[in-house]
Amino acid sequence: MAEGGDAATVAHEAGNAVQETPKAEPEKAAAPAEPAPPAEPAEPTVRTIVLTGHGGYDKLSVQQKPQPKAGKGEVLVRVKAAGLNFSELMVRQGLHDRMTKPPVVLGMEAAGVIEELGEDVSGLEVGQNVICLAQTGMWREIVAVPATNVFIMPEEMSYEEGAAIPLSYLTAYFMLFDFGNLRPGKSLLVHIAAGGVGWAATQLAKTVDNVTIFGTASASKHDAIKENGVDHPIDYRTRDYAEEIKNISPKGVDVVLDPLGGADTSKGLQLLRPMGKIVTYGSANMVKGENRNLMKMAKTLWQSTSVSPVSLVKTNKAIAGFQLAHLTGEIELVRSAFQDILNMYKDGKIKPRIDSVWAFEQVAEAMQQMNERRNIGKVILSPEKEPTKPAEGDAAPTSPLKKKKPSLFRRLSKRASRSKDEGEKKDEVKNAKKESPIKQEEQEKADDNKATNGHVQQTKLRARLSGGDPNIEDTDKEEKKDEAPAEEPEKIEVAVENPAETDDAKAAAADVVPDDKPVENEEKADGDASQEAN
């Protein structure tokens, strides 16, 4: 009984334990994930031409840069066209006095459409076509410019013309009318008359009655500069422009505009009449080729004129210097002059000439166009223009310009050195053969044995593949022994001069004839290259 009761009690307690066991709670649903914060919109960028260092064309690249914002007193302008000036070529080479440390965005003039006005800007509206002037930074799709440096474009003016006017015409204006005091009946010498400033100076000078203009340019550009107003075009490549001017006007000229520097500044000073003025505004003679030429730079500086005030007093002459970039604190003076220029454009008295328009991606080609003196008028960059393939035969802009041929002395010296090295090698081979005839004979035998063994192996392989005896011996040699030896062709001896001396003499003569003239005219070629700068 006790045992049975105990069993029932145990069973009852076990049943209660089962009933008392708590049921598993259902799993709770996972909490929904919190939504990710919205991504911040990417900062807008604009295509920008960046100068990455001083050097050749490869130092310019188109990059995406943050879009500028219109600050207080500024205007945001979408650029349609931007001007290229010779000063940018000098900055790229590291020759300009207004140098900034790369990377930097170049460009001092542009034309486009206002997209946004900053605080405290009045007199301008969104959507207006305007011309912009700045110290640098215009080679962007969108630029922020101080409102004081923005001018409303005439309705009949194109964007390319708007970008071509500011630097060239303002520079010519100040030199002629402020420094030069050009008046009716005076005479003027314009260097590089087919370039941007030269073209502008010719047109502005023609707004004064009875002014005689002498202009230098290569012969192929004479028709263009005569049509623009030059009375006496002079080909500086074939003639001395100072002598030509003296033949026409023995007393000289009243005003000289000098962008060349060096020896040409001295010549210009000598050409001045009493009460005459020379205005220097550049050193184009320093620029030769794609990269900076230190010898050319040193030569130009060495030839630069040093004039004492006493000598100017004795000759009644004046020297002035001008650079628009250094008029930053005279904005009212600049605005007044530029308004006069725009009025002349509206009256049909001036009109800039556009040489060519290039895409941003072809800034190297645009610079090469100017560097090689191929432009007539202004070279323009456009962010909206699609890049075009270079014409067949054009030089690659990313490669260095054609290098000057080495001098005759240097080539002959190199040839003599090469001939000497070849002669020494031949002597070494002869001496080796004389010193070790036994080794040479052993080497020849080893080569013959190697060839024979190879032939035997090939014969055995052919026999094995054809089912024959793999140990068959080579019978070619025995068959060849039975064959009659071929007759050797009759040798004909001909007396010949020493071939080494003959070849060297011919090569030297070939070098002397074509290089005679270029060597004599090398100095003149250097001067020609500098004359057609923009």
Protein backbone atom coordinates (compact mmCIF):
# COMPACT_ATOMS: atom_id res chain seq x y z
CA MET A 1 0.00 0.00 0.00
CA ALA A 2 2.64 2.32 1.01
CA GLU A 3 4.58 1.58 -2.05
CA GLY A 4 1.49 2.00 -4.27
CA GLY A 5 0.53 5.19 -2.54
CA ASP A 6 3.95 6.55 -2.91
CA ALA A 7 3.83 5.79 -6.62
CA ALA A 8 0.48 7.57 -7.04
CA THR A 9 1.78 10.53 -5.12
CA VAL A 10 4.84 10.73 -7.32
CA ALA A 11 2.69 10.53 -10.46
CA HIS A 12 0.34 13.24 -9.18
CA GLU A 13 3.23 15.56 -8.35
CA ALA A 14 4.79 14.89 -11.73
CA GLY A 15 1.50 15.79 -13.45
CA ASN A 16 1.28 19.01 -11.51
CA ALA A 17 4.86 19.79 -12.48
CA VAL A 18 3.98 19.36 -16.13
CA GLN A 19 0.96 21.61 -15.77
CA GLU A 20 2.93 24.24 -13.90
CA THR A 21 5.70 24.42 -16.58
CA PRO A 22 5.26 27.87 -18.21
CA LYS A 23 4.58 27.96 -21.92
CA ALA A 24 7.27 29.48 -24.15
CA GLU A 25 6.41 33.04 -25.06
CA PRO A 26 6.12 33.75 -28.78
CA GLU A 27 9.13 35.54 -30.26
CA LYS A 28 8.66 39.25 -30.56
CA ALA A 29 8.79 40.70 -34.10
CA ALA A 30 12.05 42.47 -34.95
CA ALA A 31 11.83 46.21 -34.64
CA PRO A 32 11.75 47.91 -38.03
CA ALA A 33 15.13 49.37 -39.07
CA GLU A 34 15.42 53.10 -38.76
CA PRO A 35 15.50 54.80 -42.18
CA ALA A 36 18.95 55.97 -43.26
CA PRO A 37 19.39 59.72 -43.24
CA PRO A 38 19.06 61.19 -46.73
CA ALA A 39 22.38 61.60 -48.51
CA GLU A 40 23.57 65.15 -48.79
CA PRO A 41 23.46 66.39 -52.37
CA ALA A 42 26.86 66.39 -54.05
CA GLU A 43 28.52 69.76 -54.25
CA PRO A 44 28.17 71.12 -57.81
CA THR A 45 31.35 71.28 -59.84
CA VAL A 46 32.40 73.10 -63.00
CA ARG A 47 34.99 72.33 -65.65
CA THR A 48 38.09 74.41 -65.03
CA ILE A 49 41.43 74.85 -66.78
CA VAL A 50 44.15 74.47 -64.16
CA LEU A 51 47.83 75.30 -64.47
CA THR A 52 49.46 72.50 -62.46
CA GLY A 53 53.04 73.75 -62.70
CA HIS A 54 55.46 75.89 -64.68
CA GLY A 55 56.60 74.33 -67.93
CA GLY A 56 55.18 73.11 -71.24
CA TYR A 57 51.70 72.48 -72.59
CA ASP A 58 51.34 69.36 -70.42
CA LYS A 59 51.08 71.62 -67.35
CA LEU A 60 47.52 72.58 -68.36
CA SER A 61 44.58 70.27 -67.66
CA VAL A 62 40.78 70.46 -67.47
CA GLN A 63 39.54 69.46 -63.99
CA GLN A 64 36.27 69.46 -62.08
CA LYS A 65 36.38 72.11 -59.36
CA PRO A 66 33.71 73.25 -56.86
CA GLN A 67 31.35 75.80 -58.34
CA PRO A 68 32.05 79.28 -56.92
CA LYS A 69 29.36 81.17 -55.04
CA ALA A 70 28.40 84.80 -55.37
CA GLY A 71 29.59 86.62 -52.28
CA LYS A 72 28.69 90.07 -51.12
CA GLY A 73 29.07 92.55 -53.98
CA GLU A 74 29.73 89.76 -56.50
CA VAL A 75 27.99 88.41 -59.58
CA LEU A 76 27.85 84.76 -60.69
CA VAL A 77 28.40 84.51 -64.45
CA ARG A 78 28.17 81.49 -66.78
CA VAL A 79 31.13 81.87 -69.14
CA LYS A 80 30.49 81.60 -72.88
CA ALA A 81 33.92 82.72 -74.10
CA ALA A 82 37.26 83.61 -72.48
CA GLY A 83 40.28 85.42 -73.87
CA LEU A 84 43.81 84.03 -74.21
CA ASN A 85 46.67 86.52 -73.85
CA PHE A 86 50.43 86.35 -74.27
CA SER A 87 50.82 87.03 -70.57
CA GLU A 88 49.30 83.59 -69.87
CA LEU A 89 52.01 81.97 -72.00
CA MET A 90 54.63 83.74 -69.91
CA VAL A 91 52.93 82.73 -66.63
CA ARG A 92 52.90 79.10 -67.79
CA GLN A 93 56.64 79.23 -68.48
CA GLY A 94 57.31 80.96 -65.16
CA LEU A 95 58.44 84.24 -66.75
CA HIS A 96 55.71 86.67 -65.74
CA ASP A 97 56.30 89.12 -62.91
CA ARG A 98 52.72 88.54 -61.67
CA MET A 99 53.44 84.88 -60.94
CA THR A 100 51.31 82.81 -58.57
CA LYS A 101 52.24 79.41 -57.22
CA PRO A 102 50.52 76.54 -59.12
CA PRO A 103 48.02 74.99 -59.09
CA VAL A 104 46.16 78.09 -60.24
CA VAL A 105 43.33 78.99 -62.62
CA LEU A 106 44.38 81.50 -65.29
CA GLY A 107 42.28 83.87 -67.39
CA MET A 108 41.75 87.62 -67.06
CA GLU A 109 38.76 88.29 -69.34
CA ALA A 110 35.50 86.56 -70.26
CA ALA A 111 31.98 87.12 -71.57
CA GLY A 112 28.80 85.33 -70.50
CA VAL A 113 25.38 85.48 -68.81
CA ILE A 114 24.55 86.53 -65.24
CA GLU A 115 23.06 83.62 -63.27
CA GLU A 116 22.99 85.03 -59.74
CA LEU A 117 23.44 88.33 -57.93
CA GLY A 118 25.12 88.58 -54.55
CA GLU A 119 24.14 90.94 -51.76
CA ASP A 120 24.42 94.68 -52.32
CA VAL A 121 24.58 94.39 -56.11
CA SER A 122 22.60 96.96 -58.08
CA GLY A 123 22.41 98.01 -61.71
CA LEU A 124 22.68 94.42 -63.00
CA GLU A 125 20.06 91.72 -63.61
CA VAL A 126 19.98 87.95 -63.95
CA GLY A 127 20.04 86.96 -67.63
CA GLN A 128 22.05 89.95 -68.86
CA ASN A 129 24.99 89.42 -71.24
CA VAL A 130 28.09 90.87 -69.65
CA ILE A 131 31.87 91.25 -70.03
CA CYS A 132 34.05 90.37 -67.03
CA LEU A 133 37.53 91.54 -66.09
CA ALA A 134 39.63 90.03 -63.28
CA GLN A 135 43.17 89.42 -62.09
CA THR A 136 42.87 85.70 -62.79
CA GLY A 137 40.44 82.76 -62.64
CA MET A 138 38.28 83.34 -65.75
CA TRP A 139 38.95 79.93 -67.34
CA ARG A 140 35.93 78.29 -65.66
CA GLU A 141 32.42 77.39 -66.76
CA ILE A 142 31.02 79.61 -63.98
CA VAL A 143 32.88 82.47 -62.28
CA ALA A 144 32.22 84.83 -59.38
CA VAL A 145 33.27 88.37 -60.26
CA PRO A 146 33.06 91.67 -58.35
CA ALA A 147 30.17 93.69 -59.74
CA THR A 148 32.55 96.64 -60.30
CA ASN A 149 34.43 94.48 -62.85
CA VAL A 150 31.29 93.58 -64.86
CA PHE A 151 30.17 95.54 -67.93
CA ILE A 152 26.92 95.14 -69.88
CA MET A 153 27.56 93.98 -73.44
CA PRO A 154 26.12 95.87 -76.43
CA GLU A 155 23.27 93.91 -78.01
CA GLU A 156 25.06 93.53 -81.36
CA MET A 157 28.25 92.14 -79.77
CA SER A 158 29.00 88.40 -79.77
CA TYR A 159 30.38 86.53 -76.78
CA GLU A 160 33.66 85.97 -78.63
CA GLU A 161 34.01 89.71 -79.30
CA GLY A 162 33.14 90.47 -75.69
CA ALA A 163 35.96 88.21 -74.50
CA ALA A 164 38.40 89.71 -77.04
CA ILE A 165 37.99 93.37 -76.07
CA PRO A 166 38.97 94.00 -72.41
CA LEU A 167 42.73 93.41 -72.13
CA SER A 168 43.79 94.23 -75.69
CA TYR A 169 41.75 97.40 -76.13
CA LEU A 170 42.27 98.74 -72.62
CA THR A 171 46.04 98.22 -72.93
CA ALA A 172 46.14 99.98 -76.31
CA TYR A 173 43.84 102.76 -75.07
CA PHE A 174 45.98 103.71 -72.07
CA MET A 175 49.23 103.52 -74.03
CA LEU A 176 48.01 105.67 -76.92
CA PHE A 177 45.86 108.27 -75.23
CA ASP A 178 47.25 108.52 -71.68
CA PHE A 179 50.97 107.83 -72.07
CA GLY A 180 51.34 108.49 -75.80
CA ASN A 181 49.10 111.58 -75.98
CA LEU A 182 48.43 110.68 -79.61
CA ARG A 183 47.20 113.71 -81.57
CA PRO A 184 46.35 114.47 -85.22
CA GLY A 185 49.30 114.46 -87.62
CA LYS A 186 51.52 112.20 -85.45
CA SER A 187 53.18 108.90 -86.41
CA LEU A 188 53.16 105.55 -84.63
CA LEU A 189 55.11 102.26 -84.70
CA VAL A 190 53.07 99.19 -83.73
CA HIS A 191 55.03 95.97 -83.23
CA ILE A 192 53.19 92.68 -83.81
CA ALA A 193 50.45 94.53 -85.66
CA ALA A 194 48.55 91.28 -86.32
CA GLY A 195 48.31 90.34 -82.64
CA GLY A 196 45.53 91.18 -80.19
CA VAL A 197 47.01 94.43 -78.81
CA GLY A 198 48.53 95.41 -82.15
CA TRP A 199 45.16 95.00 -83.87
CA ALA A 200 43.42 97.08 -81.20
CA ALA A 201 46.10 99.81 -81.22
CA THR A 202 45.81 100.21 -84.99
CA GLN A 203 42.03 100.68 -84.83
CA LEU A 204 42.16 103.08 -81.88
CA ALA A 205 44.93 105.14 -83.52
CA LYS A 206 42.76 105.50 -86.63
CA THR A 207 40.12 107.28 -84.54
CA VAL A 208 42.58 110.21 -84.49
CA ASP A 209 42.82 112.20 -87.74
CA ASN A 210 45.84 111.96 -90.02
CA VAL A 211 47.91 109.48 -87.97
CA THR A 212 50.59 107.54 -89.89
CA ILE A 213 51.00 103.94 -88.70
CA PHE A 214 54.03 101.67 -89.25
CA GLY A 215 53.35 98.04 -88.40
CA THR A 216 55.65 95.00 -88.22
CA ALA A 217 54.38 91.54 -89.19
CA SER A 218 55.38 88.63 -91.41
CA ALA A 219 54.69 89.13 -95.12
CA SER A 220 51.75 86.70 -95.13
CA LYS A 221 49.85 89.03 -92.74
CA HIS A 222 50.43 92.32 -94.56
CA ASP A 223 47.13 92.35 -96.43
CA ALA A 224 45.22 91.87 -93.18
CA ILE A 225 47.00 94.61 -91.23
CA LYS A 226 46.75 97.05 -94.16
CA GLU A 227 43.01 96.46 -94.28
CA ASN A 228 42.91 97.16 -90.54
CA GLY A 229 44.63 100.55 -90.97
CA VAL A 230 48.42 100.09 -91.11
CA ASP A 231 49.89 102.52 -93.65
CA HIS A 232 53.38 100.99 -93.93
CA PRO A 233 53.60 97.24 -93.19
CA ILE A 234 57.17 96.00 -92.67
CA ASP A 235 58.33 92.38 -92.88
CA TYR A 236 60.75 92.20 -89.97
CA ARG A 237 61.95 88.77 -91.17
CA THR A 238 63.60 90.12 -94.30
CA ARG A 239 64.16 93.81 -93.52
CA ASP A 240 65.45 95.99 -90.70
CA TYR A 241 62.33 97.84 -89.60
CA ALA A 242 64.38 100.75 -88.22
CA GLU A 243 66.02 101.36 -91.59
CA GLU A 244 62.68 101.05 -93.39
CA ILE A 245 61.10 103.67 -91.13
CA LYS A 246 64.07 106.00 -91.56
CA ASN A 247 63.78 105.72 -95.34
CA ILE A 248 60.12 106.79 -95.20
CA SER A 249 60.31 109.18 -92.24
CA PRO A 250 63.92 110.36 -91.72
CA LYS A 251 63.10 112.03 -88.40
CA GLY A 252 61.52 108.85 -87.00
CA VAL A 253 58.16 108.44 -85.28
CA ASP A 254 56.34 110.11 -82.41
CA VAL A 255 55.14 107.03 -80.49
CA VAL A 256 56.51 103.47 -80.27
CA LEU A 257 54.53 100.64 -78.64
CA ASP A 258 57.09 98.04 -77.56
CA PRO A 259 56.01 94.54 -76.41
CA LEU A 260 59.41 92.96 -77.27
CA GLY A 261 62.03 94.29 -74.87
CA GLY A 262 65.77 93.74 -75.09
CA ALA A 263 67.57 95.15 -78.14
CA ASP A 264 64.27 96.24 -79.73
CA THR A 265 63.67 98.71 -76.91
CA SER A 266 66.99 100.38 -77.72
CA LYS A 267 66.10 100.53 -81.42
CA GLY A 268 62.71 102.00 -80.60
CA LEU A 269 64.28 104.70 -78.45
CA GLN A 270 66.61 105.65 -81.30
CA LEU A 271 63.63 105.88 -83.68
CA LEU A 272 61.85 108.52 -81.59
CA ARG A 273 61.59 112.09 -82.82
CA PRO A 274 62.14 114.93 -80.35
CA MET A 275 59.21 114.98 -77.92
CA GLY A 276 58.60 111.32 -78.81
CA LYS A 277 57.56 108.57 -76.40
CA ILE A 278 58.19 104.82 -76.22
CA VAL A 279 55.77 102.73 -74.15
CA THR A 280 57.03 99.28 -73.21
CA TYR A 281 54.45 96.72 -72.11
CA GLY A 282 56.05 93.28 -72.41
CA SER A 283 59.13 91.13 -72.96
CA ALA A 284 58.08 88.81 -75.77
CA ASN A 285 61.72 88.37 -76.81
CA MET A 286 62.15 86.16 -73.73
CA VAL A 287 59.73 83.56 -75.06
CA LYS A 288 61.12 81.05 -77.50
CA GLY A 289 59.64 77.59 -77.90
CA GLU A 290 57.32 75.68 -75.59
CA ASN A 291 59.42 75.77 -72.42
CA ARG A 292 61.36 78.50 -70.71
CA ASN A 293 64.66 79.27 -72.44
CA LEU A 294 67.10 80.60 -69.85
CA MET A 295 69.64 81.67 -72.46
CA LYS A 296 67.01 83.68 -74.33
CA MET A 297 65.82 85.20 -71.08
CA ALA A 298 69.37 86.19 -70.03
CA LYS A 299 70.11 87.62 -73.48
CA THR A 300 66.97 89.77 -73.45
CA LEU A 301 67.76 91.11 -69.98
CA TRP A 302 71.37 91.79 -70.95
CA GLN A 303 70.28 93.77 -74.02
CA SER A 304 67.69 95.76 -72.12
CA THR A 305 68.17 99.51 -72.24
CA SER A 306 69.54 101.42 -69.29
CA VAL A 307 68.77 105.11 -69.72
CA SER A 308 69.74 107.96 -67.44
CA PRO A 309 67.40 110.92 -66.90
CA VAL A 310 70.15 113.20 -68.20
CA SER A 311 70.15 111.48 -71.59
CA LEU A 312 66.37 111.85 -71.80
CA VAL A 313 66.66 115.54 -71.02
CA LYS A 314 69.29 116.03 -73.73
CA THR A 315 67.23 114.20 -76.39
CA ASN A 316 63.75 115.40 -75.33
CA LYS A 317 62.38 111.85 -75.26
CA ALA A 318 60.27 109.86 -72.80
CA ILE A 319 60.04 106.20 -71.73
CA ALA A 320 56.93 104.74 -70.06
CA GLY A 321 55.85 101.30 -68.92
CA PHE A 322 52.36 99.84 -68.72
CA GLN A 323 50.63 96.69 -67.49
CA LEU A 324 46.87 96.56 -66.95
CA ALA A 325 47.18 93.96 -64.19
CA HIS A 326 48.80 96.54 -61.92
CA LEU A 327 45.84 98.96 -62.13
CA THR A 328 43.85 96.97 -59.55
CA GLY A 329 43.31 100.00 -57.31
CA GLU A 330 42.13 102.26 -60.13
CA ILE A 331 38.81 100.62 -61.01
CA GLU A 332 37.08 103.94 -61.75
CA LEU A 333 39.82 104.85 -64.23
CA VAL A 334 39.44 101.43 -65.90
CA ARG A 335 35.63 101.67 -66.02
CA SER A 336 35.76 105.11 -67.62
CA ALA A 337 38.21 103.97 -70.33
CA PHE A 338 36.25 100.79 -71.02
CA GLN A 339 33.01 102.72 -71.40
CA ASP A 340 34.72 104.86 -74.08
CA ILE A 341 35.81 101.66 -75.84
CA LEU A 342 32.29 100.21 -75.79
CA ASN A 343 30.92 103.47 -77.22
CA MET A 344 33.46 103.26 -80.05
CA TYR A 345 32.27 99.73 -80.76
CA LYS A 346 28.64 100.87 -80.88
CA ASP A 347 29.64 103.66 -83.30
CA GLY A 348 31.39 101.16 -85.58
CA LYS A 349 34.86 102.68 -85.08
CA ILE A 350 36.44 99.51 -83.66
CA LYS A 351 35.76 95.81 -84.09
CA PRO A 352 37.95 93.01 -82.67
CA ARG A 353 39.10 90.28 -85.00
CA ILE A 354 38.67 86.68 -83.80
CA ASP A 355 41.48 84.46 -85.03
CA SER A 356 40.14 81.14 -83.70
CA VAL A 357 37.92 79.59 -81.00
CA TRP A 358 39.09 76.51 -79.06
CA ALA A 359 37.42 74.15 -76.61
CA PHE A 360 38.65 74.14 -73.01
CA GLU A 361 40.16 70.70 -73.65
CA GLN A 362 42.26 72.21 -76.48
CA VAL A 363 43.88 74.99 -74.47
CA ALA A 364 47.28 73.51 -75.40
CA GLU A 365 46.51 73.85 -79.12
CA ALA A 366 45.27 77.40 -78.55
CA MET A 367 48.52 78.34 -76.80
CA GLN A 368 50.53 76.69 -79.55
CA GLN A 369 48.64 78.75 -82.14
CA MET A 370 49.85 81.88 -80.38
CA ASN A 371 53.29 80.57 -79.44
CA GLU A 372 54.09 79.75 -83.07
CA ARG A 373 52.88 83.20 -84.22
CA ARG A 374 50.14 81.83 -86.48
CA ASN A 375 47.28 83.99 -85.20
CA ILE A 376 45.85 87.15 -86.72
CA GLY A 377 43.72 88.75 -84.03
CA LYS A 378 42.45 87.22 -80.80
CA VAL A 379 42.56 83.56 -79.72
CA ILE A 380 39.45 82.54 -77.72
CA LEU A 381 38.62 79.62 -75.38
CA SER A 382 35.03 78.34 -75.07
CA PRO A 383 33.68 75.93 -72.42
CA GLU A 384 30.71 75.10 -74.69
CA LYS A 385 32.69 74.23 -77.82
CA GLU A 386 33.28 70.56 -78.60
CA PRO A 387 36.94 69.57 -79.12
CA THR A 388 37.87 69.12 -82.76
CA LYS A 389 40.49 66.86 -84.27
CA PRO A 390 43.68 68.67 -85.34
CA ALA A 391 44.08 69.17 -89.07
CA GLU A 392 46.31 66.70 -90.85
CA GLY A 393 49.91 67.80 -90.65
CA ASP A 394 49.51 69.93 -87.53
CA ALA A 395 52.10 69.39 -84.81
CA ALA A 396 50.97 67.65 -81.64
CA PRO A 397 50.55 70.32 -78.95
CA THR A 398 51.56 68.03 -76.11
CA SER A 399 54.94 67.31 -77.63
CA PRO A 400 57.87 69.73 -77.51
CA LEU A 401 58.30 72.05 -80.45
CA LYS A 402 60.80 71.03 -83.11
CA LYS A 403 64.29 71.30 -81.72
CA LYS A 404 67.04 73.16 -83.47
CA LYS A 405 69.43 70.95 -85.43
CA PRO A 406 72.81 70.48 -83.71
CA SER A 407 75.66 72.59 -85.04
CA LEU A 408 78.00 71.27 -87.73
CA PHE A 409 80.93 71.11 -85.31
CA ARG A 410 78.92 69.07 -82.81
CA ARG A 411 77.73 66.60 -85.47
CA LEU A 412 81.22 66.11 -86.91
CA SER A 413 82.62 65.60 -83.42
CA LYS A 414 79.98 62.99 -82.69
CA ARG A 415 80.67 61.21 -85.98
CA ALA A 416 84.41 61.16 -85.30
CA SER A 417 83.82 59.75 -81.82
CA ARG A 418 81.54 57.03 -83.21
CA SER A 419 84.10 56.08 -85.87
CA LYS A 420 86.80 55.91 -83.21
CA ASP A 421 84.68 53.58 -81.06
CA GLU A 422 83.97 51.29 -84.02
CA GLY A 423 87.68 51.18 -84.91
CA GLU A 424 88.61 50.25 -81.33
CA LYS A 425 86.07 47.40 -81.35
CA LYS A 426 87.48 46.03 -84.61
CA ASP A 427 91.01 46.16 -83.19
CA GLU A 428 89.86 44.27 -80.09
CA VAL A 429 88.40 41.48 -82.25
CA LYS A 430 91.59 41.22 -84.33
CA ASN A 431 93.80 41.10 -81.24
CA ALA A 432 91.61 38.40 -79.69
CA LYS A 433 91.99 36.24 -82.81
CA LYS A 434 95.79 36.71 -82.86
CA GLU A 435 96.25 35.99 -79.17
CA SER A 436 94.21 32.75 -78.98
CA PRO A 437 94.21 30.87 -82.35
CA ILE A 438 94.03 27.51 -80.55
CA LYS A 439 90.88 28.43 -78.64
CA GLN A 440 89.29 29.70 -81.81
CA GLU A 441 90.04 26.39 -83.60
CA GLU A 442 88.61 24.39 -80.68
CA GLN A 443 85.46 26.50 -80.71
CA GLU A 444 84.97 25.90 -84.46
CA LYS A 445 85.33 22.12 -83.96
CA ALA A 446 82.82 22.19 -81.10
CA ASP A 447 80.33 24.04 -83.31
CA ASP A 448 80.79 21.45 -86.12
CA ASN A 449 80.28 18.54 -83.71
CA LYS A 450 77.14 20.17 -82.32
CA ALA A 451 75.69 20.57 -85.78
CA THR A 452 76.56 16.95 -86.72
CA ASN A 453 74.99 15.51 -83.57
CA GLY A 454 71.84 17.49 -84.18
CA HIS A 455 71.59 16.18 -87.73
CA VAL A 456 72.03 12.55 -86.54
CA GLN A 457 69.30 12.97 -83.94
CA GLN A 458 66.88 14.34 -86.56
CA THR A 459 67.66 11.37 -88.86
CA LYS A 460 66.95 8.84 -86.10
CA LEU A 461 63.70 10.59 -85.23
CA ARG A 462 62.51 10.46 -88.85
CA ALA A 463 63.32 6.76 -89.03
CA ARG A 464 61.49 6.03 -85.80
CA LEU A 465 58.36 7.87 -86.98
CA SER A 466 58.37 6.09 -90.35
CA GLY A 467 58.74 2.64 -88.78
CA GLY A 468 62.33 2.15 -89.85
CA ASP A 469 65.40 1.31 -87.79
CA PRO A 470 65.85 3.96 -85.09
CA ASN A 471 69.56 3.18 -85.00
CA ILE A 472 70.01 3.95 -88.68
CA GLU A 473 73.16 5.92 -89.33
CA ASP A 474 73.20 9.16 -91.23
CA THR A 475 74.19 8.39 -94.82
CA ASP A 476 73.93 11.96 -96.06
CA LYS A 477 77.59 12.56 -95.42
CA GLU A 478 78.64 9.49 -97.37
CA GLU A 479 76.43 10.46 -100.29
CA LYS A 480 77.80 13.99 -100.20
CA LYS A 481 81.35 12.63 -100.33
CA ASP A 482 80.58 10.86 -103.62
CA GLU A 483 79.21 14.05 -105.16
CA ALA A 484 81.60 16.19 -107.17
CA PRO A 485 82.46 19.45 -105.48
CA ALA A 486 80.84 22.52 -107.02
CA GLU A 487 83.10 24.86 -108.90
CA GLU A 488 83.84 28.07 -107.10
CA PRO A 489 82.90 31.22 -108.99
CA GLU A 490 85.75 33.13 -110.49
CA LYS A 491 86.95 35.90 -108.20
CA ILE A 492 87.35 39.36 -109.66
CA GLU A 493 89.59 41.74 -107.81
CA VAL A 494 88.76 45.45 -108.02
CA ALA A 495 90.93 48.24 -106.65
CA VAL A 496 88.86 50.32 -104.22
CA GLU A 497 89.82 53.32 -102.15
CA ASN A 498 89.80 53.08 -98.35
CA PRO A 499 86.02 52.63 -97.63
CA ALA A 500 86.19 54.15 -94.16
CA GLU A 501 87.76 57.35 -95.45
CA THR A 502 85.33 57.57 -98.39
CA ASP A 503 82.22 57.09 -96.23
CA ASP A 504 83.37 59.65 -93.67
CA ALA A 505 84.20 62.19 -96.37
CA LYS A 506 80.79 61.75 -98.05
CA ALA A 507 78.94 61.96 -94.74
CA ALA A 508 80.83 65.09 -93.75
CA ALA A 509 80.13 66.68 -97.13
CA ALA A 510 76.42 65.82 -96.81
CA ASP A 511 76.30 67.54 -93.42
CA VAL A 512 78.18 70.63 -94.55
CA VAL A 513 76.08 71.49 -97.58
CA PRO A 514 72.53 71.60 -96.12
CA ASP A 515 73.53 73.17 -92.80
CA ASP A 516 75.64 75.99 -94.17
CA LYS A 517 72.87 78.56 -94.40
CA PRO A 518 70.94 77.72 -91.16
CA VAL A 519 74.13 77.98 -89.08
CA GLU A 520 74.85 81.45 -90.43
CA ASN A 521 71.27 82.61 -89.87
CA GLU A 522 70.74 81.02 -86.47
CA GLU A 523 70.82 84.34 -84.59
CA LYS A 524 68.36 85.89 -87.06
CA ALA A 525 65.94 82.96 -86.62
CA ASP A 526 65.89 83.56 -82.86
CA GLY A 527 64.90 87.17 -83.43
CA ASP A 528 62.17 86.20 -85.91
CA ALA A 529 60.48 83.84 -83.49
CA SER A 530 60.07 86.52 -80.84
CA GLN A 531 58.60 89.16 -83.15
CA GLU A 532 55.19 87.54 -83.79
CA ALA A 533 54.12 87.14 -80.15
CA ASN A 534 50.58 88.18 -79.23
